[in-house]
């Protein structure tokens, strides 16, 4: 009878140890998998601030030439996208008629908080 009780305890202990080992292996697997899925050499997220300033139109300026001066590839997919924003900001719904000396609002992004 004593042998049966000993075998029963041994079985319970072995089952518990097996369960703990399996749980540890699964935990390690998920930690390694999560680490492997994150981008290698992940950089810190850069924070940008959007600013608006006034630009005095020079002779020969067009909305496209102004866009090339102020836009960046991070926030705009194309020059046309920036020109569309300039048109909205300055309520320029028709044409591209800029006058030398005229002030227009332009926007740009910076990592520096001003």
PDB file of N, CA and C in Angstrom:
ATOM      1  N   UNK A   1       0.822  -1.191   0.000  1.00  0.00           N
ATOM      2  CA  UNK A   1       0.000   0.000   0.000  1.00  0.00           C
ATOM      3  C   UNK A   1       0.865   1.254   0.000  1.00  0.00           C
ATOM      4  N   UNK A   2       1.942   1.218   0.804  1.00  0.00           N
ATOM      5  CA  UNK A   2       2.841   2.347   0.889  1.00  0.00           C
ATOM      6  C   UNK A   2       3.496   2.615  -0.469  1.00  0.00           C
ATOM      7  N   UNK A   3       3.823   1.578  -1.248  1.00  0.00           N
ATOM      8  CA  UNK A   3       4.421   1.719  -2.574  1.00  0.00           C
ATOM      9  C   UNK A   3       3.469   2.429  -3.534  1.00  0.00           C
ATOM     10  N   UNK A   4       2.192   2.143  -3.426  1.00  0.00           N
ATOM     11  CA  UNK A   4       1.195   2.757  -4.301  1.00  0.00           C
ATOM     12  C   UNK A   4       1.102   4.244  -4.008  1.00  0.00           C
ATOM     13  N   UNK A   5       1.130   4.628  -2.738  1.00  0.00           N
ATOM     14  CA  UNK A   5       1.069   6.040  -2.347  1.00  0.00           C
ATOM     15  C   UNK A   5       2.323   6.758  -2.847  1.00  0.00           C
ATOM     16  N   UNK A   6       3.497   6.129  -2.669  1.00  0.00           N
ATOM     17  CA  UNK A   6       4.748   6.718  -3.144  1.00  0.00           C
ATOM     18  C   UNK A   6       4.709   6.924  -4.657  1.00  0.00           C
ATOM     19  N   UNK A   7       4.219   5.917  -5.372  1.00  0.00           N
ATOM     20  CA  UNK A   7       4.119   6.027  -6.822  1.00  0.00           C
ATOM     21  C   UNK A   7       3.134   7.126  -7.227  1.00  0.00           C
ATOM     22  N   UNK A   8       2.068   7.287  -6.476  1.00  0.00           N
ATOM     23  CA  UNK A   8       1.070   8.337  -6.744  1.00  0.00           C
ATOM     24  C   UNK A   8       1.670   9.720  -6.551  1.00  0.00           C
ATOM     25  N   UNK A   9       2.454   9.905  -5.461  1.00  0.00           N
ATOM     26  CA  UNK A   9       3.105  11.194  -5.213  1.00  0.00           C
ATOM     27  C   UNK A   9       4.132  11.482  -6.301  1.00  0.00           C
ATOM     28  N   UNK A  10       4.902  10.452  -6.649  1.00  0.00           N
ATOM     29  CA  UNK A  10       5.925  10.598  -7.676  1.00  0.00           C
ATOM     30  C   UNK A  10       5.279  11.009  -9.004  1.00  0.00           C
ATOM     31  N   UNK A  11       4.144  10.401  -9.331  1.00  0.00           N
ATOM     32  CA  UNK A  11       3.439  10.721 -10.570  1.00  0.00           C
ATOM     33  C   UNK A  11       2.962  12.177 -10.566  1.00  0.00           C
ATOM     34  N   UNK A  12       2.432  12.631  -9.437  1.00  0.00           N
ATOM     35  CA  UNK A  12       1.948  14.016  -9.327  1.00  0.00           C
ATOM     36  C   UNK A  12       3.119  15.001  -9.466  1.00  0.00           C
ATOM     37  N   UNK A  13       4.220  14.703  -8.807  1.00  0.00           N
ATOM     38  CA  UNK A  13       5.395  15.573  -8.875  1.00  0.00           C
ATOM     39  C   UNK A  13       5.937  15.617 -10.301  1.00  0.00           C
ATOM     40  N   UNK A  14       6.053  14.460 -10.955  1.00  0.00           N
ATOM     41  CA  UNK A  14       6.546  14.424 -12.336  1.00  0.00           C
ATOM     42  C   UNK A  14       5.616  15.187 -13.282  1.00  0.00           C
ATOM     43  N   UNK A  15       4.331  15.061 -13.066  1.00  0.00           N
ATOM     44  CA  UNK A  15       3.358  15.771 -13.896  1.00  0.00           C
ATOM     45  C   UNK A  15       3.501  17.279 -13.701  1.00  0.00           C
ATOM     46  N   UNK A  16       3.650  17.719 -12.458  1.00  0.00           N
ATOM     47  CA  UNK A  16       3.810  19.149 -12.164  1.00  0.00           C
ATOM     48  C   UNK A  16       5.100  19.690 -12.766  1.00  0.00           C
ATOM     49  N   UNK A  17       6.198  18.954 -12.618  1.00  0.00           N
ATOM     50  CA  UNK A  17       7.484  19.387 -13.166  1.00  0.00           C
ATOM     51  C   UNK A  17       7.404  19.452 -14.686  1.00  0.00           C
ATOM     52  N   UNK A  18       6.789  18.464 -15.313  1.00  0.00           N
ATOM     53  CA  UNK A  18       6.630  18.461 -16.770  1.00  0.00           C
ATOM     54  C   UNK A  18       5.816  19.672 -17.226  1.00  0.00           C
ATOM     55  N   UNK A  19       4.762  19.965 -16.503  1.00  0.00           N
ATOM     56  CA  UNK A  19       3.914  21.124 -16.824  1.00  0.00           C
ATOM     57  C   UNK A  19       4.711  22.423 -16.721  1.00  0.00           C
ATOM     58  N   UNK A  20       5.495  22.571 -15.667  1.00  0.00           N
ATOM     59  CA  UNK A  20       6.293  23.792 -15.467  1.00  0.00           C
ATOM     60  C   UNK A  20       7.338  23.929 -16.569  1.00  0.00           C
ATOM     61  N   UNK A  21       7.975  22.841 -16.943  1.00  0.00           N
ATOM     62  CA  UNK A  21       8.978  22.886 -18.017  1.00  0.00           C
ATOM     63  C   UNK A  21       8.326  23.272 -19.340  1.00  0.00           C
ATOM     64  N   UNK A  22       7.175  22.680 -19.643  1.00  0.00           N
ATOM     65  CA  UNK A  22       6.477  23.010 -20.889  1.00  0.00           C
ATOM     66  C   UNK A  22       6.049  24.473 -20.902  1.00  0.00           C
ATOM     67  N   UNK A  23       5.572  24.966 -19.775  1.00  0.00           N
ATOM     68  CA  UNK A  23       5.157  26.363 -19.662  1.00  0.00           C
ATOM     69  C   UNK A  23       6.352  27.293 -19.865  1.00  0.00           C
ATOM     70  N   UNK A  24       7.500  26.937 -19.310  1.00  0.00           N
ATOM     71  CA  UNK A  24       8.718  27.740 -19.470  1.00  0.00           C
ATOM     72  C   UNK A  24       9.178  27.767 -20.922  1.00  0.00           C
ATOM     73  N   UNK A  25       9.139  26.616 -21.570  1.00  0.00           N
ATOM     74  CA  UNK A  25       9.556  26.541 -22.970  1.00  0.00           C
ATOM     75  C   UNK A  25       8.628  27.381 -23.846  1.00  0.00           C
ATOM     76  N   UNK A  26       7.322  27.302 -23.618  1.00  0.00           N
ATOM     77  CA  UNK A  26       6.369  28.097 -24.391  1.00  0.00           C
ATOM     78  C   UNK A  26       6.582  29.587 -24.158  1.00  0.00           C
ATOM     79  N   UNK A  27       6.805  29.974 -22.924  1.00  0.00           N
ATOM     80  CA  UNK A  27       7.052  31.386 -22.612  1.00  0.00           C
ATOM     81  C   UNK A  27       8.297  31.879 -23.334  1.00  0.00           C
ATOM     82  N   UNK A  28       9.358  31.095 -23.289  1.00  0.00           N
ATOM     83  CA  UNK A  28      10.603  31.468 -23.958  1.00  0.00           C
ATOM     84  C   UNK A  28      10.367  31.581 -25.470  1.00  0.00           C
ATOM     85  N   UNK A  29       9.598  30.681 -26.041  1.00  0.00           N
ATOM     86  CA  UNK A  29       9.294  30.714 -27.460  1.00  0.00           C
ATOM     87  C   UNK A  29       8.599  32.013 -27.841  1.00  0.00           C
ATOM     88  N   UNK A  30       7.590  32.413 -27.077  1.00  0.00           N
ATOM     89  CA  UNK A  30       6.850  33.629 -27.404  1.00  0.00           C
ATOM     90  C   UNK A  30       7.691  34.877 -27.209  1.00  0.00           C
ATOM     91  N   UNK A  31       8.559  34.896 -26.225  1.00  0.00           N
ATOM     92  CA  UNK A  31       9.444  36.043 -26.026  1.00  0.00           C
ATOM     93  C   UNK A  31      10.404  36.159 -27.210  1.00  0.00           C
ATOM     94  N   UNK A  32      10.991  35.057 -27.618  1.00  0.00           N
ATOM     95  CA  UNK A  32      11.933  35.063 -28.746  1.00  0.00           C
ATOM     96  C   UNK A  32      11.214  35.447 -30.032  1.00  0.00           C
ATOM     97  N   UNK A  33      10.022  34.937 -30.217  1.00  0.00           N
ATOM     98  CA  UNK A  33       9.247  35.252 -31.425  1.00  0.00           C
ATOM     99  C   UNK A  33       8.883  36.726 -31.481  1.00  0.00           C
ATOM    100  N   UNK A  34       8.467  37.288 -30.350  1.00  0.00           N
ATOM    101  CA  UNK A  34       8.111  38.705 -30.309  1.00  0.00           C
ATOM    102  C   UNK A  34       9.340  39.564 -30.598  1.00  0.00           C
ATOM    103  N   UNK A  35      10.478  39.173 -30.080  1.00  0.00           N
ATOM    104  CA  UNK A  35      11.706  39.926 -30.319  1.00  0.00           C
ATOM    105  C   UNK A  35      12.116  39.830 -31.788  1.00  0.00           C
ATOM    106  N   UNK A  36      11.951  38.678 -32.373  1.00  0.00           N
ATOM    107  CA  UNK A  36      12.333  38.474 -33.774  1.00  0.00           C
ATOM    108  C   UNK A  36      11.431  39.259 -34.718  1.00  0.00           C
ATOM    109  N   UNK A  37      10.193  39.495 -34.333  1.00  0.00           N
ATOM    110  CA  UNK A  37       9.253  40.197 -35.192  1.00  0.00           C
ATOM    111  C   UNK A  37       9.456  41.700 -35.166  1.00  0.00           C
ATOM    112  N   UNK A  38      10.109  42.240 -34.137  1.00  0.00           N
ATOM    113  CA  UNK A  38      10.327  43.679 -34.086  1.00  0.00           C
ATOM    114  C   UNK A  38      11.435  44.031 -35.072  1.00  0.00           C
ATOM    115  N   UNK A  39      11.330  45.198 -35.721  1.00  0.00           N
ATOM    116  CA  UNK A  39      12.326  45.581 -36.721  1.00  0.00           C
ATOM    117  C   UNK A  39      13.717  45.657 -36.122  1.00  0.00           C
ATOM    118  N   UNK A  40      14.683  45.154 -36.854  1.00  0.00           N
ATOM    119  CA  UNK A  40      16.065  45.170 -36.379  1.00  0.00           C
ATOM    120  C   UNK A  40      16.566  46.604 -36.351  1.00  0.00           C
ATOM    121  N   UNK A  41      17.263  46.944 -35.302  1.00  0.00           N
ATOM    122  CA  UNK A  41      17.820  48.282 -35.178  1.00  0.00           C
ATOM    123  C   UNK A  41      16.749  49.357 -35.158  1.00  0.00           C
ATOM    124  N   UNK A  42      15.652  49.070 -34.534  1.00  0.00           N
ATOM    125  CA  UNK A  42      14.533  50.002 -34.499  1.00  0.00           C
ATOM    126  C   UNK A  42      14.986  51.324 -33.890  1.00  0.00           C
ATOM    127  N   UNK A  43      14.761  52.402 -34.640  1.00  0.00           N
ATOM    128  CA  UNK A  43      15.165  53.712 -34.186  1.00  0.00           C
ATOM    129  C   UNK A  43      14.033  54.361 -33.404  1.00  0.00           C
ATOM    130  N   UNK A  44      14.401  55.359 -32.629  1.00  0.00           N
ATOM    131  CA  UNK A  44      13.387  56.103 -31.896  1.00  0.00           C
ATOM    132  C   UNK A  44      12.506  56.860 -32.885  1.00  0.00           C
ATOM    133  N   UNK A  45      11.265  57.004 -32.543  1.00  0.00           N
ATOM    134  CA  UNK A  45      10.325  57.729 -33.376  1.00  0.00           C
ATOM    135  C   UNK A  45      10.666  59.215 -33.314  1.00  0.00           C
ATOM    136  N   UNK A  46      10.886  59.840 -34.469  1.00  0.00           N
ATOM    137  CA  UNK A  46      11.203  61.259 -34.538  1.00  0.00           C
ATOM    138  C   UNK A  46       9.896  62.033 -34.500  1.00  0.00           C
ATOM    139  N   UNK A  47       9.854  63.056 -33.659  1.00  0.00           N
ATOM    140  CA  UNK A  47       8.646  63.862 -33.550  1.00  0.00           C
ATOM    141  C   UNK A  47       8.828  65.137 -34.368  1.00  0.00           C
ATOM    142  N   UNK A  48       7.855  65.412 -35.239  1.00  0.00           N
ATOM    143  CA  UNK A  48       7.901  66.595 -36.085  1.00  0.00           C
ATOM    144  C   UNK A  48       6.831  67.584 -35.629  1.00  0.00           C
ATOM    145  N   UNK A  49       7.129  68.863 -35.806  1.00  0.00           N
ATOM    146  CA  UNK A  49       6.184  69.930 -35.507  1.00  0.00           C
ATOM    147  C   UNK A  49       5.918  70.682 -36.803  1.00  0.00           C
ATOM    148  N   UNK A  50       4.659  71.030 -37.026  1.00  0.00           N
ATOM    149  CA  UNK A  50       4.288  71.733 -38.253  1.00  0.00           C
ATOM    150  C   UNK A  50       4.205  73.225 -37.962  1.00  0.00           C
ATOM    151  N   UNK A  51       4.849  74.008 -38.821  1.00  0.00           N
ATOM    152  CA  UNK A  51       4.873  75.453 -38.656  1.00  0.00           C
ATOM    153  C   UNK A  51       4.395  76.129 -39.929  1.00  0.00           C
ATOM    154  N   UNK A  52       3.917  77.343 -39.758  1.00  0.00           N
ATOM    155  CA  UNK A  52       3.485  78.172 -40.871  1.00  0.00           C
ATOM    156  C   UNK A  52       4.240  79.487 -40.790  1.00  0.00           C
ATOM    157  N   UNK A  53       4.665  79.991 -41.931  1.00  0.00           N
ATOM    158  CA  UNK A  53       5.301  81.297 -41.977  1.00  0.00           C
ATOM    159  C   UNK A  53       4.882  82.002 -43.253  1.00  0.00           C
ATOM    160  N   UNK A  54       5.155  83.281 -43.301  1.00  0.00           N
ATOM    161  CA  UNK A  54       4.817  84.059 -44.486  1.00  0.00           C
ATOM    162  C   UNK A  54       6.028  84.101 -45.411  1.00  0.00           C
ATOM    163  N   UNK A  55       5.763  83.963 -46.700  1.00  0.00           N
ATOM    164  CA  UNK A  55       6.816  83.987 -47.711  1.00  0.00           C
ATOM    165  C   UNK A  55       6.501  85.116 -48.688  1.00  0.00           C
ATOM    166  N   UNK A  56       7.500  85.969 -48.965  1.00  0.00           N
ATOM    167  CA  UNK A  56       7.321  87.045 -49.937  1.00  0.00           C
ATOM    168  C   UNK A  56       7.705  86.508 -51.320  1.00  0.00           C
ATOM    169  N   UNK A  57       6.767  86.578 -52.233  1.00  0.00           N
ATOM    170  CA  UNK A  57       6.954  86.045 -53.577  1.00  0.00           C
ATOM    171  C   UNK A  57       7.995  86.874 -54.326  1.00  0.00           C
ATOM    172  N   UNK A  58       8.947  86.172 -54.927  1.00  0.00           N
ATOM    173  CA  UNK A  58       9.992  86.801 -55.740  1.00  0.00           C
ATOM    174  C   UNK A  58       9.622  86.674 -57.213  1.00  0.00           C
ATOM    175  N   UNK A  59      10.254  87.479 -58.050  1.00  0.00           N
ATOM    176  CA  UNK A  59      10.011  87.414 -59.500  1.00  0.00           C
ATOM    177  C   UNK A  59      10.331  86.011 -60.000  1.00  0.00           C
ATOM    178  N   UNK A  60       9.431  85.443 -60.755  1.00  0.00           N
ATOM    179  CA  UNK A  60       9.633  84.121 -61.341  1.00  0.00           C
ATOM    180  C   UNK A  60       9.164  82.967 -60.458  1.00  0.00           C
ATOM    181  N   UNK A  61       8.742  83.250 -59.229  1.00  0.00           N
ATOM    182  CA  UNK A  61       8.248  82.187 -58.341  1.00  0.00           C
ATOM    183  C   UNK A  61       6.943  81.610 -58.861  1.00  0.00           C
ATOM    184  N   UNK A  62       6.803  80.313 -58.683  1.00  0.00           N
ATOM    185  CA  UNK A  62       5.543  79.622 -58.940  1.00  0.00           C
ATOM    186  C   UNK A  62       5.224  78.810 -57.686  1.00  0.00           C
ATOM    187  N   UNK A  63       4.023  78.315 -57.611  1.00  0.00           N
ATOM    188  CA  UNK A  63       3.681  77.464 -56.463  1.00  0.00           C
ATOM    189  C   UNK A  63       4.574  76.228 -56.431  1.00  0.00           C
ATOM    190  N   UNK A  64       4.926  75.715 -57.599  1.00  0.00           N
ATOM    191  CA  UNK A  64       5.797  74.540 -57.644  1.00  0.00           C
ATOM    192  C   UNK A  64       7.211  74.860 -57.168  1.00  0.00           C
ATOM    193  N   UNK A  65       7.743  76.018 -57.547  1.00  0.00           N
ATOM    194  CA  UNK A  65       9.091  76.356 -57.088  1.00  0.00           C
ATOM    195  C   UNK A  65       9.108  76.604 -55.583  1.00  0.00           C
ATOM    196  N   UNK A  66       8.049  77.172 -55.056  1.00  0.00           N
ATOM    197  CA  UNK A  66       7.941  77.377 -53.603  1.00  0.00           C
ATOM    198  C   UNK A  66       7.796  76.031 -52.899  1.00  0.00           C
ATOM    199  N   UNK A  67       7.038  75.139 -53.501  1.00  0.00           N
ATOM    200  CA  UNK A  67       6.870  73.793 -52.931  1.00  0.00           C
ATOM    201  C   UNK A  67       8.220  73.098 -52.820  1.00  0.00           C
ATOM    202  N   UNK A  68       9.059  73.227 -53.850  1.00  0.00           N
ATOM    203  CA  UNK A  68      10.382  72.588 -53.805  1.00  0.00           C
ATOM    204  C   UNK A  68      11.242  73.142 -52.669  1.00  0.00           C
ATOM    205  N   UNK A  69      11.027  74.399 -52.293  1.00  0.00           N
ATOM    206  CA  UNK A  69      11.809  75.004 -51.200  1.00  0.00           C
ATOM    207  C   UNK A  69      11.363  74.517 -49.825  1.00  0.00           C
ATOM    208  N   UNK A  70      10.056  74.283 -49.653  1.00  0.00           N
ATOM    209  CA  UNK A  70       9.520  74.038 -48.321  1.00  0.00           C
ATOM    210  C   UNK A  70       9.089  72.600 -48.026  1.00  0.00           C
ATOM    211  N   UNK A  71       8.737  71.842 -49.031  1.00  0.00           N
ATOM    212  CA  UNK A  71       8.189  70.505 -48.758  1.00  0.00           C
ATOM    213  C   UNK A  71       9.300  69.509 -48.423  1.00  0.00           C
ATOM    214  N   UNK A  72       8.908  68.421 -47.797  1.00  0.00           N
ATOM    215  CA  UNK A  72       9.844  67.325 -47.543  1.00  0.00           C
ATOM    216  C   UNK A  72       9.183  66.007 -47.921  1.00  0.00           C
ATOM    217  N   UNK A  73      10.011  64.998 -48.109  1.00  0.00           N
ATOM    218  CA  UNK A  73       9.500  63.693 -48.559  1.00  0.00           C
ATOM    219  C   UNK A  73       8.853  62.886 -47.441  1.00  0.00           C
ATOM    220  N   UNK A  74       9.046  63.300 -46.199  1.00  0.00           N
ATOM    221  CA  UNK A  74       8.476  62.567 -45.067  1.00  0.00           C
ATOM    222  C   UNK A  74       6.979  62.841 -44.952  1.00  0.00           C
ATOM    223  N   UNK A  75       6.563  64.074 -45.201  1.00  0.00           N
ATOM    224  CA  UNK A  75       5.177  64.460 -44.968  1.00  0.00           C
ATOM    225  C   UNK A  75       4.345  64.613 -46.242  1.00  0.00           C
ATOM    226  N   UNK A  76       5.008  64.639 -47.384  1.00  0.00           N
ATOM    227  CA  UNK A  76       4.281  64.810 -48.646  1.00  0.00           C
ATOM    228  C   UNK A  76       4.755  63.757 -49.635  1.00  0.00           C
ATOM    229  N   UNK A  77       3.817  63.176 -50.343  1.00  0.00           N
ATOM    230  CA  UNK A  77       4.154  62.159 -51.342  1.00  0.00           C
ATOM    231  C   UNK A  77       4.603  62.782 -52.653  1.00  0.00           C
ATOM    232  N   UNK A  78       4.175  64.012 -52.901  1.00  0.00           N
ATOM    233  CA  UNK A  78       4.526  64.638 -54.173  1.00  0.00           C
ATOM    234  C   UNK A  78       4.488  66.153 -54.032  1.00  0.00           C
ATOM    235  N   UNK A  79       5.101  66.797 -54.997  1.00  0.00           N
ATOM    236  CA  UNK A  79       5.071  68.255 -55.066  1.00  0.00           C
ATOM    237  C   UNK A  79       3.630  68.741 -55.235  1.00  0.00           C
ATOM    238  N   UNK A  80       2.859  68.015 -56.019  1.00  0.00           N
ATOM    239  CA  UNK A  80       1.456  68.385 -56.271  1.00  0.00           C
ATOM    240  C   UNK A  80       0.648  68.392 -54.972  1.00  0.00           C
ATOM    241  N   UNK A  81       0.955  67.463 -54.081  1.00  0.00           N
ATOM    242  CA  UNK A  81       0.240  67.411 -52.797  1.00  0.00           C
ATOM    243  C   UNK A  81       0.529  68.668 -51.976  1.00  0.00           C
ATOM    244  N   UNK A  82       1.779  69.103 -51.985  1.00  0.00           N
ATOM    245  CA  UNK A  82       2.139  70.313 -51.238  1.00  0.00           C
ATOM    246  C   UNK A  82       1.498  71.545 -51.884  1.00  0.00           C
ATOM    247  N   UNK A  83       1.506  71.610 -53.213  1.00  0.00           N
ATOM    248  CA  UNK A  83       0.890  72.733 -53.921  1.00  0.00           C
ATOM    249  C   UNK A  83      -0.599  72.813 -53.582  1.00  0.00           C
ATOM    250  N   UNK A  84      -1.265  71.671 -53.500  1.00  0.00           N
ATOM    251  CA  UNK A  84      -2.682  71.646 -53.116  1.00  0.00           C
ATOM    252  C   UNK A  84      -2.874  72.253 -51.733  1.00  0.00           C
ATOM    253  N   UNK A  85      -1.968  71.907 -50.812  1.00  0.00           N
ATOM    254  CA  UNK A  85      -2.063  72.485 -49.462  1.00  0.00           C
ATOM    255  C   UNK A  85      -1.818  73.994 -49.497  1.00  0.00           C
ATOM    256  N   UNK A  86      -0.847  74.446 -50.295  1.00  0.00           N
ATOM    257  CA  UNK A  86      -0.599  75.894 -50.431  1.00  0.00           C
ATOM    258  C   UNK A  86      -1.840  76.613 -50.956  1.00  0.00           C
ATOM    259  N   UNK A  87      -2.470  76.020 -51.961  1.00  0.00           N
ATOM    260  CA  UNK A  87      -3.681  76.623 -52.531  1.00  0.00           C
ATOM    261  C   UNK A  87      -4.774  76.774 -51.469  1.00  0.00           C
ATOM    262  N   UNK A  88      -4.975  75.734 -50.665  1.00  0.00           N
ATOM    263  CA  UNK A  88      -6.001  75.789 -49.618  1.00  0.00           C
ATOM    264  C   UNK A  88      -5.651  76.829 -48.561  1.00  0.00           C
ATOM    265  N   UNK A  89      -4.386  76.834 -48.122  1.00  0.00           N
ATOM    266  CA  UNK A  89      -3.957  77.772 -47.084  1.00  0.00           C
ATOM    267  C   UNK A  89      -4.148  79.225 -47.516  1.00  0.00           C
ATOM    268  N   UNK A  90      -3.940  79.488 -48.807  1.00  0.00           N
ATOM    269  CA  UNK A  90      -3.974  80.862 -49.315  1.00  0.00           C
ATOM    270  C   UNK A  90      -5.233  81.171 -50.104  1.00  0.00           C
ATOM    271  N   UNK A  91      -6.194  80.282 -50.036  1.00  0.00           N
ATOM    272  CA  UNK A  91      -7.482  80.439 -50.720  1.00  0.00           C
ATOM    273  C   UNK A  91      -7.280  80.799 -52.186  1.00  0.00           C
ATOM    274  N   UNK A  92      -6.416  80.041 -52.837  1.00  0.00           N
ATOM    275  CA  UNK A  92      -6.129  80.228 -54.268  1.00  0.00           C
ATOM    276  C   UNK A  92      -6.842  79.123 -55.024  1.00  0.00           C
ATOM    277  N   UNK A  93      -8.055  79.371 -55.408  1.00  0.00           N
ATOM    278  CA  UNK A  93      -8.857  78.324 -56.016  1.00  0.00           C
ATOM    279  C   UNK A  93      -8.717  78.255 -57.536  1.00  0.00           C
ATOM    280  N   UNK A  94      -8.282  79.355 -58.134  1.00  0.00           N
ATOM    281  CA  UNK A  94      -8.179  79.393 -59.590  1.00  0.00           C
ATOM    282  C   UNK A  94      -6.807  79.918 -59.984  1.00  0.00           C
ATOM    283  N   UNK A  95      -6.165  79.251 -60.911  1.00  0.00           N
ATOM    284  CA  UNK A  95      -4.913  79.724 -61.482  1.00  0.00           C
ATOM    285  C   UNK A  95      -3.724  79.656 -60.538  1.00  0.00           C
ATOM    286  N   UNK A  96      -2.609  80.163 -61.054  1.00  0.00           N
ATOM    287  CA  UNK A  96      -1.341  80.135 -60.332  1.00  0.00           C
ATOM    288  C   UNK A  96      -0.719  81.536 -60.400  1.00  0.00           C
ATOM    289  N   UNK A  97      -1.580  82.539 -60.329  1.00  0.00           N
ATOM    290  CA  UNK A  97      -1.100  83.903 -60.524  1.00  0.00           C
ATOM    291  C   UNK A  97      -0.555  84.495 -59.221  1.00  0.00           C
ATOM    292  N   UNK A  98       0.765  84.419 -59.082  1.00  0.00           N
ATOM    293  CA  UNK A  98       1.449  85.015 -57.946  1.00  0.00           C
ATOM    294  C   UNK A  98       2.011  86.354 -58.396  1.00  0.00           C
ATOM    295  N   UNK A  99       1.956  87.326 -57.517  1.00  0.00           N
ATOM    296  CA  UNK A  99       2.483  88.646 -57.839  1.00  0.00           C
ATOM    297  C   UNK A  99       3.752  88.885 -57.034  1.00  0.00           C
ATOM    298  N   UNK A 100       4.768  89.412 -57.675  1.00  0.00           N
ATOM    299  CA  UNK A 100       6.030  89.719 -57.006  1.00  0.00           C
ATOM    300  C   UNK A 100       5.754  90.649 -55.830  1.00  0.00           C
ATOM    301  N   UNK A 101       6.305  90.285 -54.674  1.00  0.00           N
ATOM    302  CA  UNK A 101       6.123  91.082 -53.460  1.00  0.00           C
ATOM    303  C   UNK A 101       4.949  90.634 -52.606  1.00  0.00           C
ATOM    304  N   UNK A 102       4.081  89.830 -53.161  1.00  0.00           N
ATOM    305  CA  UNK A 102       2.914  89.327 -52.436  1.00  0.00           C
ATOM    306  C   UNK A 102       3.362  88.402 -51.297  1.00  0.00           C
ATOM    307  N   UNK A 103       2.667  88.430 -50.183  1.00  0.00           N
ATOM    308  CA  UNK A 103       2.949  87.517 -49.070  1.00  0.00           C
ATOM    309  C   UNK A 103       1.976  86.354 -49.126  1.00  0.00           C
ATOM    310  N   UNK A 104       2.507  85.146 -49.058  1.00  0.00           N
ATOM    311  CA  UNK A 104       1.654  83.971 -48.989  1.00  0.00           C
ATOM    312  C   UNK A 104       2.087  83.126 -47.791  1.00  0.00           C
ATOM    313  N   UNK A 105       1.145  82.375 -47.249  1.00  0.00           N
ATOM    314  CA  UNK A 105       1.448  81.466 -46.137  1.00  0.00           C
ATOM    315  C   UNK A 105       2.021  80.172 -46.698  1.00  0.00           C
ATOM    316  N   UNK A 106       3.084  79.699 -46.079  1.00  0.00           N
ATOM    317  CA  UNK A 106       3.679  78.408 -46.431  1.00  0.00           C
ATOM    318  C   UNK A 106       3.842  77.618 -45.149  1.00  0.00           C
ATOM    319  N   UNK A 107       3.904  76.309 -45.267  1.00  0.00           N
ATOM    320  CA  UNK A 107       4.084  75.478 -44.082  1.00  0.00           C
ATOM    321  C   UNK A 107       5.302  74.587 -44.268  1.00  0.00           C
ATOM    322  N   UNK A 108       5.851  74.178 -43.145  1.00  0.00           N
ATOM    323  CA  UNK A 108       7.002  73.273 -43.168  1.00  0.00           C
ATOM    324  C   UNK A 108       7.019  72.496 -41.854  1.00  0.00           C
ATOM    325  N   UNK A 109       7.780  71.431 -41.824  1.00  0.00           N
ATOM    326  CA  UNK A 109       7.902  70.605 -40.637  1.00  0.00           C
ATOM    327  C   UNK A 109       9.336  70.699 -40.107  1.00  0.00           C
ATOM    328  N   UNK A 110       9.450  70.623 -38.784  1.00  0.00           N
ATOM    329  CA  UNK A 110      10.763  70.653 -38.148  1.00  0.00           C
ATOM    330  C   UNK A 110      10.750  69.750 -36.930  1.00  0.00           C
ATOM    331  N   UNK A 111      11.908  69.195 -36.608  1.00  0.00           N
ATOM    332  CA  UNK A 111      12.013  68.397 -35.385  1.00  0.00           C
ATOM    333  C   UNK A 111      12.258  69.298 -34.187  1.00  0.00           C
ATOM    334  N   UNK A 112      12.550  70.547 -34.449  1.00  0.00           N
ATOM    335  CA  UNK A 112      12.807  71.517 -33.386  1.00  0.00           C
ATOM    336  C   UNK A 112      11.500  72.162 -32.935  1.00  0.00           C
ATOM    337  N   UNK A 113      11.260  72.154 -31.629  1.00  0.00           N
ATOM    338  CA  UNK A 113      10.051  72.805 -31.106  1.00  0.00           C
ATOM    339  C   UNK A 113      10.358  74.278 -30.932  1.00  0.00           C
ATOM    340  N   UNK A 114       9.567  75.122 -31.575  1.00  0.00           N
ATOM    341  CA  UNK A 114       9.812  76.576 -31.528  1.00  0.00           C
ATOM    342  C   UNK A 114       8.759  77.282 -30.724  1.00  0.00           C
TER     343      UNK A 114
END
